[in-house]
Amino acid sequence: MSHQSTPQEDADIAGVEAALRRAARRARELGERTGTPVYVLRDGKIVDLTRENGQQQANHEQQR
């Protein structure tokens, strides 16, 4: 059985990636503001983005 999408479904699907990226960015920002870990799976390992970003900022400040 083949399912042909309607133009409305195509438009919804086209916006999914942008919506997911916005949600991810907001989650990182909220985690950084509140000190809450934001975990993702990267290369098969669980990584806290807020800790990773904090280390990058500390390294950048040390280089000044």
N, C-alpha and C. Protein backbone atom coordinates (compact mmCIF):
# COMPACT_ATOMS: atom_id res chain seq x y z
N MET A 1 0.84 -1.17 0.00
CA MET A 1 0.00 0.00 0.00
C MET A 1 0.89 1.24 0.00
N SER A 2 0.66 2.10 -0.93
CA SER A 2 1.46 3.32 -0.99
C SER A 2 0.66 4.48 -0.43
N HIS A 3 1.36 5.30 0.31
CA HIS A 3 0.72 6.47 0.92
C HIS A 3 1.30 7.71 0.28
N GLN A 4 0.45 8.47 -0.36
CA GLN A 4 0.91 9.72 -0.95
C GLN A 4 0.58 10.85 0.03
N SER A 5 1.58 11.67 0.29
CA SER A 5 1.35 12.75 1.24
C SER A 5 0.64 13.92 0.56
N THR A 6 -0.10 14.63 1.36
CA THR A 6 -0.79 15.82 0.87
C THR A 6 0.15 17.01 1.00
N PRO A 7 -0.14 18.10 0.31
CA PRO A 7 0.72 19.28 0.45
C PRO A 7 0.85 19.75 1.90
N GLN A 8 -0.23 19.62 2.68
CA GLN A 8 -0.18 20.03 4.09
C GLN A 8 0.83 19.16 4.85
N GLU A 9 0.82 17.86 4.62
CA GLU A 9 1.76 16.97 5.30
C GLU A 9 3.19 17.32 4.91
N ASP A 10 3.41 17.62 3.64
CA ASP A 10 4.74 18.00 3.17
C ASP A 10 5.24 19.25 3.89
N ALA A 11 4.38 20.24 4.05
CA ALA A 11 4.75 21.48 4.71
C ALA A 11 5.07 21.21 6.19
N ASP A 12 4.28 20.37 6.83
CA ASP A 12 4.53 20.02 8.22
C ASP A 12 5.87 19.31 8.37
N ILE A 13 6.12 18.38 7.51
CA ILE A 13 7.37 17.61 7.56
C ILE A 13 8.56 18.53 7.30
N ALA A 14 8.41 19.47 6.39
CA ALA A 14 9.50 20.38 6.06
C ALA A 14 9.88 21.24 7.26
N GLY A 15 8.95 21.54 8.14
CA GLY A 15 9.23 22.38 9.29
C GLY A 15 9.73 21.63 10.51
N VAL A 16 9.74 20.31 10.46
CA VAL A 16 10.12 19.52 11.62
C VAL A 16 11.57 19.75 12.04
N GLU A 17 12.48 19.73 11.09
CA GLU A 17 13.90 19.89 11.44
C GLU A 17 14.16 21.24 12.11
N ALA A 18 13.59 22.29 11.58
CA ALA A 18 13.78 23.62 12.17
C ALA A 18 13.19 23.67 13.57
N ALA A 19 12.04 23.07 13.76
CA ALA A 19 11.40 23.05 15.08
C ALA A 19 12.24 22.27 16.09
N LEU A 20 12.79 21.14 15.66
CA LEU A 20 13.64 20.36 16.56
C LEU A 20 14.91 21.12 16.93
N ARG A 21 15.49 21.83 15.98
CA ARG A 21 16.69 22.62 16.26
C ARG A 21 16.38 23.75 17.24
N ARG A 22 15.23 24.42 17.07
CA ARG A 22 14.84 25.48 18.01
C ARG A 22 14.64 24.91 19.40
N ALA A 23 13.98 23.77 19.49
CA ALA A 23 13.73 23.15 20.79
C ALA A 23 15.04 22.75 21.47
N ALA A 24 15.98 22.22 20.70
CA ALA A 24 17.27 21.83 21.25
C ALA A 24 18.03 23.05 21.76
N ARG A 25 18.02 24.12 20.98
CA ARG A 25 18.71 25.35 21.39
C ARG A 25 18.11 25.89 22.68
N ARG A 26 16.79 25.91 22.77
CA ARG A 26 16.13 26.41 23.98
C ARG A 26 16.42 25.52 25.19
N ALA A 27 16.49 24.22 24.97
CA ALA A 27 16.81 23.31 26.07
C ALA A 27 18.22 23.57 26.59
N ARG A 28 19.19 23.78 25.68
CA ARG A 28 20.55 24.10 26.10
C ARG A 28 20.60 25.41 26.87
N GLU A 29 19.90 26.43 26.37
CA GLU A 29 19.88 27.73 27.03
C GLU A 29 19.28 27.62 28.43
N LEU A 30 18.18 26.89 28.54
CA LEU A 30 17.53 26.71 29.84
C LEU A 30 18.44 25.94 30.79
N GLY A 31 19.09 24.91 30.30
CA GLY A 31 20.01 24.14 31.12
C GLY A 31 21.15 24.99 31.63
N GLU A 32 21.70 25.84 30.79
CA GLU A 32 22.79 26.71 31.19
C GLU A 32 22.33 27.74 32.22
N ARG A 33 21.13 28.31 32.02
CA ARG A 33 20.60 29.31 32.96
C ARG A 33 20.31 28.71 34.33
N THR A 34 19.81 27.49 34.36
CA THR A 34 19.34 26.89 35.61
C THR A 34 20.32 25.90 36.21
N GLY A 35 21.42 25.63 35.49
CA GLY A 35 22.39 24.66 35.99
C GLY A 35 21.89 23.22 35.89
N THR A 36 20.94 23.00 35.00
CA THR A 36 20.37 21.67 34.81
C THR A 36 21.10 20.96 33.67
N PRO A 37 21.54 19.72 33.87
CA PRO A 37 22.22 19.01 32.80
C PRO A 37 21.31 18.80 31.59
N VAL A 38 21.91 18.85 30.41
CA VAL A 38 21.20 18.55 29.17
C VAL A 38 21.99 17.44 28.50
N TYR A 39 21.45 16.24 28.55
CA TYR A 39 22.16 15.07 28.05
C TYR A 39 21.76 14.74 26.62
N VAL A 40 22.77 14.35 25.83
CA VAL A 40 22.55 13.87 24.47
C VAL A 40 23.43 12.64 24.26
N LEU A 41 23.11 11.87 23.26
CA LEU A 41 23.91 10.72 22.88
C LEU A 41 24.80 11.14 21.72
N ARG A 42 26.12 11.13 21.94
CA ARG A 42 27.07 11.54 20.91
C ARG A 42 28.13 10.45 20.77
N ASP A 43 28.25 9.91 19.59
CA ASP A 43 29.24 8.86 19.31
C ASP A 43 29.11 7.69 20.29
N GLY A 44 27.86 7.35 20.62
CA GLY A 44 27.61 6.22 21.50
C GLY A 44 27.84 6.50 22.97
N LYS A 45 28.10 7.76 23.33
CA LYS A 45 28.33 8.13 24.73
C LYS A 45 27.34 9.19 25.15
N ILE A 46 26.94 9.15 26.42
CA ILE A 46 26.05 10.17 26.96
C ILE A 46 26.90 11.37 27.37
N VAL A 47 26.54 12.55 26.87
CA VAL A 47 27.32 13.76 27.10
C VAL A 47 26.40 14.84 27.67
N ASP A 48 26.88 15.57 28.68
CA ASP A 48 26.15 16.71 29.24
C ASP A 48 26.58 17.96 28.48
N LEU A 49 25.70 18.52 27.69
CA LEU A 49 26.03 19.69 26.88
C LEU A 49 26.33 20.92 27.74
N THR A 50 25.68 21.06 28.87
CA THR A 50 25.92 22.23 29.70
C THR A 50 27.31 22.18 30.31
N ARG A 51 27.76 21.02 30.71
CA ARG A 51 29.11 20.89 31.25
C ARG A 51 30.14 21.13 30.15
N GLU A 52 29.87 20.56 28.98
CA GLU A 52 30.77 20.71 27.85
C GLU A 52 30.90 22.17 27.46
N ASN A 53 29.79 22.89 27.42
CA ASN A 53 29.80 24.29 27.06
C ASN A 53 30.50 25.11 28.13
N GLY A 54 30.31 24.79 29.38
CA GLY A 54 30.97 25.48 30.47
C GLY A 54 32.48 25.33 30.39
N GLN A 55 32.95 24.14 30.02
CA GLN A 55 34.38 23.91 29.88
C GLN A 55 34.94 24.71 28.71
N GLN A 56 34.18 24.81 27.63
CA GLN A 56 34.63 25.59 26.47
C GLN A 56 34.74 27.06 26.84
N GLN A 57 33.78 27.58 27.61
CA GLN A 57 33.82 28.97 28.02
C GLN A 57 35.00 29.22 28.96
N ALA A 58 35.25 28.30 29.88
CA ALA A 58 36.37 28.44 30.80
C ALA A 58 37.70 28.44 30.04
N ASN A 59 37.82 27.56 29.05
CA ASN A 59 39.04 27.52 28.24
C ASN A 59 39.22 28.82 27.46
N HIS A 60 38.13 29.35 26.94
CA HIS A 60 38.19 30.59 26.17
C HIS A 60 38.62 31.74 27.08
N GLU A 61 38.09 31.81 28.30
CA GLU A 61 38.44 32.88 29.23
C GLU A 61 39.89 32.76 29.67
N GLN A 62 40.41 31.55 29.82
CA GLN A 62 41.80 31.36 30.22
C GLN A 62 42.76 31.82 29.14
N GLN A 63 42.33 31.74 27.89
CA GLN A 63 43.20 32.12 26.77
C GLN A 63 43.31 33.64 26.63
N ARG A 64 42.44 34.38 27.25
CA ARG A 64 42.45 35.86 27.14
C ARG A 64 43.60 36.46 27.85
